[in-house]
C-alpha atoms as a PDB file:
ATOM      1  CA  MET A   1      88.177  93.168 118.842  1.00  0.00           C
ATOM      2  CA  SER A   2      91.431  92.079 116.673  1.00  0.00           C
ATOM      3  CA  GLY A   3      93.191  89.277 115.125  1.00  0.00           C
ATOM      4  CA  PRO A   4      96.045  88.577 112.914  1.00  0.00           C
ATOM      5  CA  ALA A   5      96.288  90.301 110.116  1.00  0.00           C
ATOM      6  CA  PRO A   6      97.482  88.463 106.230  1.00  0.00           C
ATOM      7  CA  THR A   7     100.611  89.707 106.597  1.00  0.00           C
ATOM      8  CA  GLY A   8     101.049  88.943 110.136  1.00  0.00           C
ATOM      9  CA  GLY A   9     100.333  92.073 111.767  1.00  0.00           C
ATOM     10  CA  THR A  10      96.641  92.292 113.228  1.00  0.00           C
ATOM     11  CA  VAL A  11      92.969  93.226 112.313  1.00  0.00           C
ATOM     12  CA  THR A  12      91.306  95.637 114.630  1.00  0.00           C
ATOM     13  CA  VAL A  13      88.087  95.810 114.733  1.00  0.00           C
ATOM     14  CA  ASP A  14      86.832  98.785 116.601  1.00  0.00           C
ATOM     15  CA  ARG A  15      83.107  97.629 117.464  1.00  0.00           C
ATOM     16  CA  ASP A  16      82.097 101.282 119.264  1.00  0.00           C
ATOM     17  CA  ARG A  17      82.654 102.979 115.831  1.00  0.00           C
ATOM     18  CA  CYS A  18      80.820 100.019 114.055  1.00  0.00           C
ATOM     19  CA  ILE A  19      77.379 101.138 111.919  1.00  0.00           C
ATOM     20  CA  GLY A  20      76.865  97.998 111.174  1.00  0.00           C
ATOM     21  CA  ALA A  21      76.607  98.111 107.714  1.00  0.00           C
ATOM     22  CA  GLY A  22      78.063  94.546 106.824  1.00  0.00           C
ATOM     23  CA  HIS A  23      80.370  95.021 104.257  1.00  0.00           C
ATOM     24  CA  CYS A  24      83.063  93.005 106.228  1.00  0.00           C
ATOM     25  CA  VAL A  25      80.571  90.423 106.581  1.00  0.00           C
ATOM     26  CA  SER A  26      80.348  90.603 102.889  1.00  0.00           C
ATOM     27  CA  ALA A  27      83.730  90.929 102.318  1.00  0.00           C
ATOM     28  CA  ALA A  28      84.840  88.185 104.752  1.00  0.00           C
ATOM     29  CA  PRO A  29      82.167  86.180 106.008  1.00  0.00           C
ATOM     30  CA  GLY A  30      84.830  83.429 107.363  1.00  0.00           C
ATOM     31  CA  THR A  31      86.180  86.540 109.571  1.00  0.00           C
ATOM     32  CA  PHE A  32      83.680  88.537 110.544  1.00  0.00           C
ATOM     33  CA  ASP A  33      79.973  88.013 111.456  1.00  0.00           C
ATOM     34  CA  GLN A  34      77.196  90.961 113.215  1.00  0.00           C
ATOM     35  CA  ASP A  35      75.928  90.119 116.789  1.00  0.00           C
ATOM     36  CA  ASP A  36      72.263  90.512 117.293  1.00  0.00           C
ATOM     37  CA  ALA A  37      72.634  94.098 116.916  1.00  0.00           C
ATOM     38  CA  GLY A  38      74.217  94.217 114.685  1.00  0.00           C
ATOM     39  CA  LEU A  39      77.750  95.379 114.924  1.00  0.00           C
ATOM     40  CA  VAL A  40      80.961  93.577 113.841  1.00  0.00           C
ATOM     41  CA  VAL A  41      82.212  90.040 115.828  1.00  0.00           C
ATOM     42  CA  LEU A  42      85.127  88.199 114.810  1.00  0.00           C
ATOM     43  CA  VAL A  43      84.012  84.748 114.103  1.00  0.00           C
ATOM     44  CA  ALA A  44      85.303  82.768 116.221  1.00  0.00           C
ATOM     45  CA  GLY A  45      86.985  79.415 115.161  1.00  0.00           C
ATOM     46  CA  GLY A  46      86.404  80.483 111.870  1.00  0.00           C
ATOM     47  CA  ALA A  47      88.738  79.458 108.313  1.00  0.00           C
ATOM     48  CA  ALA A  48      91.479  81.113 108.025  1.00  0.00           C
ATOM     49  CA  ALA A  49      90.754  83.991 106.185  1.00  0.00           C
ATOM     50  CA  ASP A  50      91.745  85.166 102.725  1.00  0.00           C
ATOM     51  CA  GLY A  51      94.865  88.360 102.813  1.00  0.00           C
ATOM     52  CA  ASP A  52      92.691  90.319 100.253  1.00  0.00           C
ATOM     53  CA  ASP A  53      88.912  89.967 101.383  1.00  0.00           C
ATOM     54  CA  VAL A  54      90.294  91.279 104.925  1.00  0.00           C
ATOM     55  CA  ARG A  55      92.141  93.890 102.820  1.00  0.00           C
ATOM     56  CA  ALA A  56      88.681  94.273 101.257  1.00  0.00           C
ATOM     57  CA  ALA A  57      86.762  94.852 104.730  1.00  0.00           C
ATOM     58  CA  ALA A  58      88.658  96.909 105.944  1.00  0.00           C
ATOM     59  CA  GLU A  59      88.591  99.084 103.038  1.00  0.00           C
ATOM     60  CA  LEU A  60      85.124  98.956 102.284  1.00  0.00           C
ATOM     61  CA  CYS A  61      83.542  99.944 106.246  1.00  0.00           C
ATOM     62  CA  PRO A  62      81.936 102.867 106.409  1.00  0.00           C
ATOM     63  CA  ALA A  63      83.024 103.577 109.559  1.00  0.00           C
ATOM     64  CA  ALA A  64      86.632 103.043 109.568  1.00  0.00           C
ATOM     65  CA  ALA A  65      85.935  99.969 112.450  1.00  0.00           C
ATOM     66  CA  ILE A  66      88.444  97.782 111.215  1.00  0.00           C
ATOM     67  CA  ALA A  67      92.033  98.319 110.764  1.00  0.00           C
ATOM     68  CA  LEU A  68      94.799  96.375 109.507  1.00  0.00           C
ATOM     69  CA  VAL A  69      98.273  96.757 111.970  1.00  0.00           C
ATOM     70  CA  THR A  70     101.190  95.244 111.740  1.00  0.00           C
ATOM     71  CA  GLY A  71     103.761  94.054 115.105  1.00  0.00           C
ATOM     72  CA  ALA A  72     102.212  93.686 118.322  1.00  0.00           C
ATOM     73  CA  PRO A  73      98.669  93.617 118.572  1.00  0.00           C
ATOM     74  CA  PRO A  74      97.084  95.937 120.676  1.00  0.00           C
ATOM     75  CA  PRO A  75      94.860  94.776 123.730  1.00  0.00           C
ATOM     76  CA  GLY A  76      91.857  92.821 123.319  1.00  0.00           C
ATOM     77  CA  HIS A  77      90.121  90.047 121.178  1.00  0.00           C
ATOM     78  CA  ARG A  78      92.553  88.340 118.281  1.00  0.00           C
ATOM     79  CA  ARG A  79      92.061  86.126 115.622  1.00  0.00           C
ATOM     80  CA  GLU A  80      94.615  84.198 113.823  1.00  0.00           C
ATOM     81  CA  PHE A  81      94.361  84.084 110.247  1.00  0.00           C
ATOM     82  CA  ASP A  82      96.747  83.618 106.471  1.00  0.00           C
END
């Protein structure tokens, strides 16, 4: 799962790696949420996220399930934000 990163790249979420710790939701609740299984999902139609919050979410993820990628986004779910 992915969406554009604050620097014009893409934030990528790997649900297979997610362990449901919820640090991403705490850091950037307008961008990330958890489904019924506790796994990370990108908030559909959420407000533009603060780049620092998204970077913090990636850094805080204990499973390294969130990555910021520059350039063309990989296949999967994408999310635009400023």
